Amino acid sequence: MSAAAASAHYFLGVDGGGTGCRARIEDEAGTVLGQGLSGPATTRLGIDAAWASVAKAFGAAIEEAGFGTAEIARIRAGIGLAGIGRKGALEALRAIAHPFASIDFVSDGVGACLGAHSGQDGAIVIAGTGSIGIGFVDGRELRVGGYGFPISDEGSGADLGLKAVQLALRAHDGRHDRTALLAEVMQRFKDDPIEAVAWMDRATATDYAAFAPMVIRHADQGDPVGRRIVQSAAEHVDTFVRVLFEKGAPRVTLLGGLSSPLEPWLAPDVRRRLKPADGDAVSGAIILAKKSPW
């Protein structure tokens, strides 16, 4: 091994979300050396389960890179993880033994924000299963919403699904006009409210969000209830974006699985001010890794 290779630095970025986990290893020039994937990585599953998913993803990336013990010891790692704000989560993660030169943790949203603006000041609004606004300005962290479904996460996929199910039940009772959207929602429950109640007892935010594509499809086809639900979601996203600008964010990016379908429904002034992302959440985790002290 050459002296240059022996002293090379490597950077690992991990984006651990509620639906899956991605890992990437780059060298100092930004060349991708290895990548890995795994399942959900959120502290809501427990610290051990979240770390197991993270380790599976970065293990696959290390294997693809062909790294041995010497190279692994020169990796600086940045981990973005969903649910890291839960009480005691960060301390528990920092207590886990690891083989790297350094490791640092942030929420998956912060990682996405770092990636979207190349580590510079800016903000993001995530509209996916949940929703949140996050940003950084002059060392200050900005936050809008994102306190969890069903008490928060307005404009999210879960919120769209909840409203659709609520209105479908009202239509079934005759308390609301039955549109094509509401009829299709009730078909999922065999037109039986008791089926809906049984589903509700075990349903997660992800289960509610599974209705979001249906709501958007009917909205795009002109269903009046679908249009009202989607327009309401878009108005919440509009508010997220405007508040982040009011708080001093110089630029805002819209991210998440609902970002593309919702964007045409946003107010013109909001659409004009949105900035495309520079990079993804894994890029943000790598930026974090590069900032970490040895």
C-alpha atoms as a PDB file:
ATOM      1  CA  MET A   1       0.000   0.000   0.000  1.00  0.00           C
ATOM      2  CA  SER A   2       1.359   3.429  -0.948  1.00  0.00           C
ATOM      3  CA  ALA A   3       1.873   6.142   1.662  1.00  0.00           C
ATOM      4  CA  ALA A   4      -0.902   8.182   0.012  1.00  0.00           C
ATOM      5  CA  ALA A   5      -3.338   5.268   0.192  1.00  0.00           C
ATOM      6  CA  ALA A   6      -2.386   4.565   3.777  1.00  0.00           C
ATOM      7  CA  SER A   7      -3.265   8.112   4.817  1.00  0.00           C
ATOM      8  CA  ALA A   8      -6.389   8.500   2.658  1.00  0.00           C
ATOM      9  CA  HIS A   9      -9.599   9.633   4.262  1.00  0.00           C
ATOM     10  CA  TYR A  10     -12.980   8.102   3.425  1.00  0.00           C
ATOM     11  CA  PHE A  11     -16.450   9.430   4.166  1.00  0.00           C
ATOM     12  CA  LEU A  12     -19.556   7.411   4.923  1.00  0.00           C
ATOM     13  CA  GLY A  13     -23.013   8.946   4.696  1.00  0.00           C
ATOM     14  CA  VAL A  14     -26.142   7.144   5.891  1.00  0.00           C
ATOM     15  CA  ASP A  15     -29.741   8.290   5.479  1.00  0.00           C
ATOM     16  CA  GLY A  16     -31.938   6.235   7.801  1.00  0.00           C
ATOM     17  CA  GLY A  17     -35.635   6.886   7.310  1.00  0.00           C
ATOM     18  CA  GLY A  18     -38.924   5.350   8.271  1.00  0.00           C
ATOM     19  CA  THR A  19     -39.208   3.366   5.030  1.00  0.00           C
ATOM     20  CA  GLY A  20     -35.601   2.483   4.260  1.00  0.00           C
ATOM     21  CA  CYS A  21     -31.910   3.174   4.810  1.00  0.00           C
ATOM     22  CA  ARG A  22     -29.222   4.158   2.274  1.00  0.00           C
ATOM     23  CA  ALA A  23     -25.457   4.288   2.751  1.00  0.00           C
ATOM     24  CA  ARG A  24     -22.679   5.598   0.527  1.00  0.00           C
ATOM     25  CA  ILE A  25     -18.884   5.738   0.856  1.00  0.00           C
ATOM     26  CA  GLU A  26     -16.890   8.384  -0.997  1.00  0.00           C
ATOM     27  CA  ASP A  27     -13.226   9.285  -1.138  1.00  0.00           C
ATOM     28  CA  GLU A  28     -11.821  12.791  -0.688  1.00  0.00           C
ATOM     29  CA  ALA A  29     -12.465  13.575  -4.362  1.00  0.00           C
ATOM     30  CA  GLY A  30     -16.149  12.634  -4.035  1.00  0.00           C
ATOM     31  CA  THR A  31     -15.811   9.389  -5.999  1.00  0.00           C
ATOM     32  CA  VAL A  32     -18.407   6.828  -4.922  1.00  0.00           C
ATOM     33  CA  LEU A  33     -16.649   3.673  -3.724  1.00  0.00           C
ATOM     34  CA  GLY A  34     -19.542   1.660  -2.331  1.00  0.00           C
ATOM     35  CA  GLN A  35     -23.270   1.808  -1.647  1.00  0.00           C
ATOM     36  CA  GLY A  36     -25.716  -0.197   0.464  1.00  0.00           C
ATOM     37  CA  LEU A  37     -29.411  -0.452   1.262  1.00  0.00           C
ATOM     38  CA  SER A  38     -31.492  -1.842   4.094  1.00  0.00           C
ATOM     39  CA  GLY A  39     -34.960  -1.567   5.615  1.00  0.00           C
ATOM     40  CA  PRO A  40     -36.502   1.030   7.946  1.00  0.00           C
ATOM     41  CA  ALA A  41     -34.095   2.799  10.300  1.00  0.00           C
ATOM     42  CA  THR A  42     -36.009   4.873  12.799  1.00  0.00           C
ATOM     43  CA  THR A  43     -35.650   5.023  16.558  1.00  0.00           C
ATOM     44  CA  ARG A  44     -39.387   4.350  16.796  1.00  0.00           C
ATOM     45  CA  LEU A  45     -38.448   0.720  16.127  1.00  0.00           C
ATOM     46  CA  GLY A  46     -36.019   0.839  19.043  1.00  0.00           C
ATOM     47  CA  ILE A  47     -32.352   1.828  19.123  1.00  0.00           C
ATOM     48  CA  ASP A  48     -31.099  -1.727  18.534  1.00  0.00           C
ATOM     49  CA  ALA A  49     -33.333  -2.245  15.493  1.00  0.00           C
ATOM     50  CA  ALA A  50     -32.466   1.171  14.047  1.00  0.00           C
ATOM     51  CA  TRP A  51     -28.730   0.591  14.456  1.00  0.00           C
ATOM     52  CA  ALA A  52     -29.023  -2.916  12.972  1.00  0.00           C
ATOM     53  CA  SER A  53     -30.554  -1.426   9.836  1.00  0.00           C
ATOM     54  CA  VAL A  54     -27.883   1.295   9.647  1.00  0.00           C
ATOM     55  CA  ALA A  55     -25.142  -1.323  10.134  1.00  0.00           C
ATOM     56  CA  LYS A  56     -26.612  -3.546   7.409  1.00  0.00           C
ATOM     57  CA  ALA A  57     -26.595  -0.629   4.944  1.00  0.00           C
ATOM     58  CA  PHE A  58     -23.075   0.567   5.704  1.00  0.00           C
ATOM     59  CA  GLY A  59     -21.848  -3.041   5.842  1.00  0.00           C
ATOM     60  CA  ALA A  60     -23.032  -3.546   2.265  1.00  0.00           C
ATOM     61  CA  ALA A  61     -21.324  -0.299   1.214  1.00  0.00           C
ATOM     62  CA  ILE A  62     -18.076  -1.369   2.884  1.00  0.00           C
ATOM     63  CA  GLU A  63     -18.274  -4.751   1.167  1.00  0.00           C
ATOM     64  CA  GLU A  64     -18.852  -3.143  -2.232  1.00  0.00           C
ATOM     65  CA  ALA A  65     -15.897  -0.824  -1.636  1.00  0.00           C
ATOM     66  CA  GLY A  66     -13.744  -3.845  -0.809  1.00  0.00           C
ATOM     67  CA  PHE A  67     -12.485  -2.275   2.392  1.00  0.00           C
ATOM     68  CA  GLY A  68     -10.514  -4.096   5.045  1.00  0.00           C
ATOM     69  CA  THR A  69      -9.877  -3.154   8.650  1.00  0.00           C
ATOM     70  CA  ALA A  70      -7.271  -0.509   7.774  1.00  0.00           C
ATOM     71  CA  GLU A  71      -9.571   1.376   5.388  1.00  0.00           C
ATOM     72  CA  ILE A  72     -12.564   1.116   7.716  1.00  0.00           C
ATOM     73  CA  ALA A  73     -10.526   2.743  10.478  1.00  0.00           C
ATOM     74  CA  ARG A  74     -10.022   5.793   8.240  1.00  0.00           C
ATOM     75  CA  ILE A  75     -13.748   6.298   7.598  1.00  0.00           C
ATOM     76  CA  ARG A  76     -15.462   9.369   9.045  1.00  0.00           C
ATOM     77  CA  ALA A  77     -19.183   8.643   9.299  1.00  0.00           C
ATOM     78  CA  GLY A  78     -22.240  10.877   9.285  1.00  0.00           C
ATOM     79  CA  ILE A  79     -25.590   9.294  10.132  1.00  0.00           C
ATOM     80  CA  GLY A  80     -28.972  10.928   9.533  1.00  0.00           C
ATOM     81  CA  LEU A  81     -31.626   9.004  11.415  1.00  0.00           C
ATOM     82  CA  ALA A  82     -35.386   9.360  11.727  1.00  0.00           C
ATOM     83  CA  GLY A  83     -36.682   9.859  15.260  1.00  0.00           C
ATOM     84  CA  ILE A  84     -33.355  10.946  16.708  1.00  0.00           C
ATOM     85  CA  GLY A  85     -35.123  13.644  18.723  1.00  0.00           C
ATOM     86  CA  ARG A  86     -36.821  11.023  20.895  1.00  0.00           C
ATOM     87  CA  LYS A  87     -35.734  11.232  24.502  1.00  0.00           C
ATOM     88  CA  GLY A  88     -32.422   9.471  25.120  1.00  0.00           C
ATOM     89  CA  ALA A  89     -31.995   8.355  21.491  1.00  0.00           C
ATOM     90  CA  LEU A  90     -28.896  10.414  20.676  1.00  0.00           C
ATOM     91  CA  GLU A  91     -27.124   9.411  23.865  1.00  0.00           C
ATOM     92  CA  ALA A  92     -27.880   5.743  23.231  1.00  0.00           C
ATOM     93  CA  LEU A  93     -26.582   5.931  19.658  1.00  0.00           C
ATOM     94  CA  ARG A  94     -23.384   7.658  20.715  1.00  0.00           C
ATOM     95  CA  ALA A  95     -22.759   4.875  23.237  1.00  0.00           C
ATOM     96  CA  ILE A  96     -22.689   2.184  20.537  1.00  0.00           C
ATOM     97  CA  ALA A  97     -19.215   0.901  19.648  1.00  0.00           C
ATOM     98  CA  HIS A  98     -18.172   1.472  16.025  1.00  0.00           C
ATOM     99  CA  PRO A  99     -15.061   0.790  13.916  1.00  0.00           C
ATOM    100  CA  PHE A 100     -14.741   4.265  12.357  1.00  0.00           C
ATOM    101  CA  ALA A 101     -12.346   7.164  12.881  1.00  0.00           C
ATOM    102  CA  SER A 102     -15.300   9.348  13.871  1.00  0.00           C
ATOM    103  CA  ILE A 103     -19.081   9.285  13.819  1.00  0.00           C
ATOM    104  CA  ASP A 104     -21.767  11.946  14.182  1.00  0.00           C
ATOM    105  CA  PHE A 105     -25.553  11.779  14.229  1.00  0.00           C
ATOM    106  CA  VAL A 106     -28.344  14.146  13.156  1.00  0.00           C
ATOM    107  CA  SER A 107     -32.001  13.717  12.288  1.00  0.00           C
ATOM    108  CA  ASP A 108     -32.796  12.529   8.778  1.00  0.00           C
ATOM    109  CA  GLY A 109     -34.392  15.930   8.119  1.00  0.00           C
ATOM    110  CA  VAL A 110     -31.231  17.816   9.062  1.00  0.00           C
ATOM    111  CA  GLY A 111     -29.241  15.489   6.820  1.00  0.00           C
ATOM    112  CA  ALA A 112     -31.606  16.230   3.937  1.00  0.00           C
ATOM    113  CA  CYS A 113     -31.277  19.985   4.564  1.00  0.00           C
ATOM    114  CA  LEU A 114     -27.469  19.813   4.554  1.00  0.00           C
ATOM    115  CA  GLY A 115     -27.574  17.920   1.260  1.00  0.00           C
ATOM    116  CA  ALA A 116     -30.148  20.181  -0.368  1.00  0.00           C
ATOM    117  CA  HIS A 117     -28.015  23.300   0.136  1.00  0.00           C
ATOM    118  CA  SER A 118     -24.479  21.835   0.084  1.00  0.00           C
ATOM    119  CA  GLY A 119     -24.088  22.554   3.795  1.00  0.00           C
ATOM    120  CA  GLN A 120     -24.918  26.252   3.385  1.00  0.00           C
ATOM    121  CA  ASP A 121     -27.740  28.220   5.043  1.00  0.00           C
ATOM    122  CA  GLY A 122     -31.173  27.273   3.768  1.00  0.00           C
ATOM    123  CA  ALA A 123     -34.292  25.319   4.579  1.00  0.00           C
ATOM    124  CA  ILE A 124     -36.372  22.414   3.346  1.00  0.00           C
ATOM    125  CA  VAL A 125     -39.989  21.387   3.566  1.00  0.00           C
ATOM    126  CA  ILE A 126     -40.461  17.626   3.537  1.00  0.00           C
ATOM    127  CA  ALA A 127     -43.847  16.420   2.311  1.00  0.00           C
ATOM    128  CA  GLY A 128     -43.925  12.647   2.491  1.00  0.00           C
ATOM    129  CA  THR A 129     -45.545  10.221   4.889  1.00  0.00           C
ATOM    130  CA  GLY A 130     -45.109  13.046   7.420  1.00  0.00           C
ATOM    131  CA  SER A 131     -44.266  16.719   6.988  1.00  0.00           C
ATOM    132  CA  ILE A 132     -41.839  19.191   8.531  1.00  0.00           C
ATOM    133  CA  GLY A 133     -39.963  22.395   7.790  1.00  0.00           C
ATOM    134  CA  ILE A 134     -36.272  22.515   8.801  1.00  0.00           C
ATOM    135  CA  GLY A 135     -33.559  25.083   8.185  1.00  0.00           C
ATOM    136  CA  PHE A 136     -30.322  26.723   9.276  1.00  0.00           C
ATOM    137  CA  VAL A 137     -29.578  30.445   9.287  1.00  0.00           C
ATOM    138  CA  ASP A 138     -26.456  31.969  10.873  1.00  0.00           C
ATOM    139  CA  GLY A 139     -26.062  29.008  13.201  1.00  0.00           C
ATOM    140  CA  ARG A 140     -29.731  29.011  14.221  1.00  0.00           C
ATOM    141  CA  GLU A 141     -31.857  25.943  13.587  1.00  0.00           C
ATOM    142  CA  LEU A 142     -35.347  26.592  12.230  1.00  0.00           C
ATOM    143  CA  ARG A 143     -38.239  24.209  12.702  1.00  0.00           C
ATOM    144  CA  VAL A 144     -41.862  24.361  11.602  1.00  0.00           C
ATOM    145  CA  GLY A 145     -44.273  21.531  12.423  1.00  0.00           C
ATOM    146  CA  GLY A 146     -43.335  17.883  12.163  1.00  0.00           C
ATOM    147  CA  TYR A 147     -44.505  16.900  15.635  1.00  0.00           C
ATOM    148  CA  GLY A 148     -45.942  13.607  14.480  1.00  0.00           C
ATOM    149  CA  PHE A 149     -49.153  12.204  13.051  1.00  0.00           C
ATOM    150  CA  PRO A 150     -52.018  12.651  13.869  1.00  0.00           C
ATOM    151  CA  ILE A 151     -51.428  15.766  16.031  1.00  0.00           C
ATOM    152  CA  SER A 152     -49.235  17.441  13.410  1.00  0.00           C
ATOM    153  CA  ASP A 153     -47.698  16.633   9.976  1.00  0.00           C
ATOM    154  CA  GLU A 154     -50.223  18.761   8.102  1.00  0.00           C
ATOM    155  CA  GLY A 155     -50.087  18.418   4.328  1.00  0.00           C
ATOM    156  CA  SER A 156     -48.483  14.973   4.564  1.00  0.00           C
ATOM    157  CA  GLY A 157     -49.502  11.716   2.938  1.00  0.00           C
ATOM    158  CA  ALA A 158     -50.798  10.455   6.281  1.00  0.00           C
ATOM    159  CA  ASP A 159     -52.887  13.605   6.677  1.00  0.00           C
ATOM    160  CA  LEU A 160     -54.357  13.178   3.178  1.00  0.00           C
ATOM    161  CA  GLY A 161     -55.258   9.582   3.973  1.00  0.00           C
ATOM    162  CA  LEU A 162     -56.836  10.452   7.315  1.00  0.00           C
ATOM    163  CA  LYS A 163     -59.077  13.103   5.754  1.00  0.00           C
ATOM    164  CA  ALA A 164     -60.122  10.736   2.971  1.00  0.00           C
ATOM    165  CA  VAL A 165     -61.089   7.994   5.433  1.00  0.00           C
ATOM    166  CA  GLN A 166     -62.962  10.443   7.665  1.00  0.00           C
ATOM    167  CA  LEU A 167     -64.999  11.807   4.755  1.00  0.00           C
ATOM    168  CA  ALA A 168     -65.615   8.337   3.321  1.00  0.00           C
ATOM    169  CA  LEU A 169     -67.212   7.271   6.612  1.00  0.00           C
ATOM    170  CA  ARG A 170     -69.357  10.401   6.648  1.00  0.00           C
ATOM    171  CA  ALA A 171     -70.470   9.710   3.081  1.00  0.00           C
ATOM    172  CA  HIS A 172     -71.320   6.132   4.024  1.00  0.00           C
ATOM    173  CA  ASP A 173     -73.634   7.501   6.729  1.00  0.00           C
ATOM    174  CA  GLY A 174     -75.191  10.025   4.372  1.00  0.00           C
ATOM    175  CA  ARG A 175     -73.536  12.969   6.134  1.00  0.00           C
ATOM    176  CA  HIS A 176     -71.523  13.872   3.028  1.00  0.00           C
ATOM    177  CA  ASP A 177     -71.894  13.548  -0.735  1.00  0.00           C
ATOM    178  CA  ARG A 178     -70.430  10.251  -1.977  1.00  0.00           C
ATOM    179  CA  THR A 179     -67.879  10.935  -4.699  1.00  0.00           C
ATOM    180  CA  ALA A 180     -65.781   8.480  -6.711  1.00  0.00           C
ATOM    181  CA  LEU A 181     -62.868   8.977  -4.303  1.00  0.00           C
ATOM    182  CA  LEU A 182     -64.935   8.279  -1.199  1.00  0.00           C
ATOM    183  CA  ALA A 183     -66.543   5.251  -2.833  1.00  0.00           C
ATOM    184  CA  GLU A 184     -63.103   3.808  -3.636  1.00  0.00           C
ATOM    185  CA  VAL A 185     -61.905   4.411  -0.073  1.00  0.00           C
ATOM    186  CA  MET A 186     -64.882   2.503   1.322  1.00  0.00           C
ATOM    187  CA  GLN A 187     -64.274  -0.324  -1.156  1.00  0.00           C
ATOM    188  CA  ARG A 188     -60.946  -0.875   0.625  1.00  0.00           C
ATOM    189  CA  PHE A 189     -63.018  -1.638   3.717  1.00  0.00           C
ATOM    190  CA  LYS A 190     -65.590  -3.773   1.846  1.00  0.00           C
ATOM    191  CA  ASP A 191     -68.104  -0.932   2.324  1.00  0.00           C
ATOM    192  CA  ASP A 192     -68.213  -1.826   6.021  1.00  0.00           C
ATOM    193  CA  PRO A 193     -67.404   0.847   8.651  1.00  0.00           C
ATOM    194  CA  ILE A 194     -66.614  -1.897  11.166  1.00  0.00           C
ATOM    195  CA  GLU A 195     -63.800  -3.036   8.849  1.00  0.00           C
ATOM    196  CA  ALA A 196     -62.515   0.534   8.896  1.00  0.00           C
ATOM    197  CA  VAL A 197     -62.588   0.594  12.697  1.00  0.00           C
ATOM    198  CA  ALA A 198     -60.670  -2.697  12.899  1.00  0.00           C
ATOM    199  CA  TRP A 199     -58.086  -1.315  10.440  1.00  0.00           C
ATOM    200  CA  MET A 200     -57.795   1.938  12.423  1.00  0.00           C
ATOM    201  CA  ASP A 201     -56.926   0.050  15.613  1.00  0.00           C
ATOM    202  CA  ARG A 202     -53.617  -1.098  14.116  1.00  0.00           C
ATOM    203  CA  ALA A 203     -53.026   1.496  11.367  1.00  0.00           C
ATOM    204  CA  THR A 204     -49.810   3.531  11.318  1.00  0.00           C
ATOM    205  CA  ALA A 205     -49.039   6.825   9.623  1.00  0.00           C
ATOM    206  CA  THR A 206     -47.625   4.787   6.732  1.00  0.00           C
ATOM    207  CA  ASP A 207     -50.930   2.933   6.387  1.00  0.00           C
ATOM    208  CA  TYR A 208     -52.851   6.202   6.192  1.00  0.00           C
ATOM    209  CA  ALA A 209     -50.320   7.597   3.707  1.00  0.00           C
ATOM    210  CA  ALA A 210     -50.997   4.624   1.417  1.00  0.00           C
ATOM    211  CA  PHE A 211     -54.275   6.381   0.492  1.00  0.00           C
ATOM    212  CA  ALA A 212     -52.458   9.536  -0.677  1.00  0.00           C
ATOM    213  CA  PRO A 213     -51.831   8.399  -4.295  1.00  0.00           C
ATOM    214  CA  MET A 214     -55.538   7.568  -4.601  1.00  0.00           C
ATOM    215  CA  VAL A 215     -56.524  10.994  -3.279  1.00  0.00           C
ATOM    216  CA  ILE A 216     -54.171  12.787  -5.674  1.00  0.00           C
ATOM    217  CA  ARG A 217     -55.301  10.673  -8.636  1.00  0.00           C
ATOM    218  CA  HIS A 218     -58.958  11.534  -8.020  1.00  0.00           C
ATOM    219  CA  ALA A 219     -58.066  15.183  -7.419  1.00  0.00           C
ATOM    220  CA  ASP A 220     -56.272  15.345 -10.767  1.00  0.00           C
ATOM    221  CA  GLN A 221     -59.365  13.776 -12.387  1.00  0.00           C
ATOM    222  CA  GLY A 222     -61.578  16.504 -10.924  1.00  0.00           C
ATOM    223  CA  ASP A 223     -63.147  14.729  -7.946  1.00  0.00           C
ATOM    224  CA  PRO A 224     -64.412  17.618  -5.791  1.00  0.00           C
ATOM    225  CA  VAL A 225     -63.526  15.994  -2.456  1.00  0.00           C
ATOM    226  CA  GLY A 226     -60.107  14.947  -3.718  1.00  0.00           C
ATOM    227  CA  ARG A 227     -59.473  18.473  -4.947  1.00  0.00           C
ATOM    228  CA  ARG A 228     -60.427  19.995  -1.579  1.00  0.00           C
ATOM    229  CA  ILE A 229     -58.205  17.583   0.343  1.00  0.00           C
ATOM    230  CA  VAL A 230     -55.196  18.144  -1.912  1.00  0.00           C
ATOM    231  CA  GLN A 231     -55.704  21.909  -2.040  1.00  0.00           C
ATOM    232  CA  SER A 232     -55.800  22.002   1.752  1.00  0.00           C
ATOM    233  CA  ALA A 233     -52.554  20.023   1.900  1.00  0.00           C
ATOM    234  CA  ALA A 234     -50.941  22.402  -0.586  1.00  0.00           C
ATOM    235  CA  GLU A 235     -52.012  25.394   1.502  1.00  0.00           C
ATOM    236  CA  HIS A 236     -50.283  23.865   4.526  1.00  0.00           C
ATOM    237  CA  VAL A 237     -47.108  23.408   2.472  1.00  0.00           C
ATOM    238  CA  ASP A 238     -47.417  27.015   1.258  1.00  0.00           C
ATOM    239  CA  THR A 239     -47.486  28.103   4.891  1.00  0.00           C
ATOM    240  CA  PHE A 240     -44.430  25.989   5.781  1.00  0.00           C
ATOM    241  CA  VAL A 241     -42.462  27.633   2.970  1.00  0.00           C
ATOM    242  CA  ARG A 242     -43.576  31.190   3.735  1.00  0.00           C
ATOM    243  CA  VAL A 243     -42.865  30.856   7.463  1.00  0.00           C
ATOM    244  CA  LEU A 244     -39.355  29.547   6.779  1.00  0.00           C
ATOM    245  CA  PHE A 245     -38.670  32.571   4.580  1.00  0.00           C
ATOM    246  CA  GLU A 246     -40.095  34.835   7.286  1.00  0.00           C
ATOM    247  CA  LYS A 247     -37.717  33.228   9.788  1.00  0.00           C
ATOM    248  CA  GLY A 248     -34.782  34.214   7.599  1.00  0.00           C
ATOM    249  CA  ALA A 249     -34.142  31.220   5.344  1.00  0.00           C
ATOM    250  CA  PRO A 250     -32.414  32.517   2.185  1.00  0.00           C
ATOM    251  CA  ARG A 251     -33.630  29.571   0.113  1.00  0.00           C
ATOM    252  CA  VAL A 252     -36.169  26.747   0.519  1.00  0.00           C
ATOM    253  CA  THR A 253     -36.371  23.360  -1.210  1.00  0.00           C
ATOM    254  CA  LEU A 254     -39.405  21.058  -1.308  1.00  0.00           C
ATOM    255  CA  LEU A 255     -38.588  17.381  -0.770  1.00  0.00           C
ATOM    256  CA  GLY A 256     -40.395  14.111  -0.097  1.00  0.00           C
ATOM    257  CA  GLY A 257     -42.595  11.688  -1.956  1.00  0.00           C
ATOM    258  CA  LEU A 258     -45.465  14.187  -2.242  1.00  0.00           C
ATOM    259  CA  SER A 259     -43.293  17.079  -3.406  1.00  0.00           C
ATOM    260  CA  SER A 260     -43.800  16.458  -7.137  1.00  0.00           C
ATOM    261  CA  PRO A 261     -47.565  15.741  -7.099  1.00  0.00           C
ATOM    262  CA  LEU A 262     -48.233  18.656  -4.724  1.00  0.00           C
ATOM    263  CA  GLU A 263     -46.096  21.262  -6.466  1.00  0.00           C
ATOM    264  CA  PRO A 264     -48.687  22.101  -9.188  1.00  0.00           C
ATOM    265  CA  TRP A 265     -51.193  22.834  -6.400  1.00  0.00           C
ATOM    266  CA  LEU A 266     -48.945  25.313  -4.588  1.00  0.00           C
ATOM    267  CA  ALA A 267     -49.497  29.071  -4.716  1.00  0.00           C
ATOM    268  CA  PRO A 268     -47.645  30.773  -7.606  1.00  0.00           C
ATOM    269  CA  ASP A 269     -45.504  32.906  -5.275  1.00  0.00           C
ATOM    270  CA  VAL A 270     -44.352  29.805  -3.401  1.00  0.00           C
ATOM    271  CA  ARG A 271     -43.563  27.839  -6.561  1.00  0.00           C
ATOM    272  CA  ARG A 272     -41.464  30.710  -7.898  1.00  0.00           C
ATOM    273  CA  ARG A 273     -39.351  30.852  -4.730  1.00  0.00           C
ATOM    274  CA  LEU A 274     -38.559  27.146  -4.429  1.00  0.00           C
ATOM    275  CA  LYS A 275     -34.988  26.046  -5.183  1.00  0.00           C
ATOM    276  CA  PRO A 276     -34.021  22.598  -6.546  1.00  0.00           C
ATOM    277  CA  ALA A 277     -31.922  20.431  -4.229  1.00  0.00           C
ATOM    278  CA  ASP A 278     -28.160  20.361  -4.728  1.00  0.00           C
ATOM    279  CA  GLY A 279     -27.862  16.843  -3.331  1.00  0.00           C
ATOM    280  CA  ASP A 280     -29.713  14.164  -1.420  1.00  0.00           C
ATOM    281  CA  ALA A 281     -29.826  13.275   2.270  1.00  0.00           C
ATOM    282  CA  VAL A 282     -26.871  10.905   1.916  1.00  0.00           C
ATOM    283  CA  SER A 283     -24.853  13.821   0.512  1.00  0.00           C
ATOM    284  CA  GLY A 284     -25.892  15.760   3.608  1.00  0.00           C
ATOM    285  CA  ALA A 285     -24.692  12.964   5.877  1.00  0.00           C
ATOM    286  CA  ILE A 286     -21.332  13.000   4.095  1.00  0.00           C
ATOM    287  CA  ILE A 287     -21.123  16.776   4.629  1.00  0.00           C
ATOM    288  CA  LEU A 288     -21.752  16.079   8.320  1.00  0.00           C
ATOM    289  CA  ALA A 289     -18.990  13.474   8.321  1.00  0.00           C
ATOM    290  CA  LYS A 290     -16.518  15.936   6.798  1.00  0.00           C
ATOM    291  CA  LYS A 291     -17.356  18.494   9.509  1.00  0.00           C
ATOM    292  CA  SER A 292     -16.836  16.024  12.345  1.00  0.00           C
ATOM    293  CA  PRO A 293     -13.643  16.403  14.392  1.00  0.00           C
ATOM    294  CA  TRP A 294     -11.191  13.519  14.387  1.00  0.00           C
END
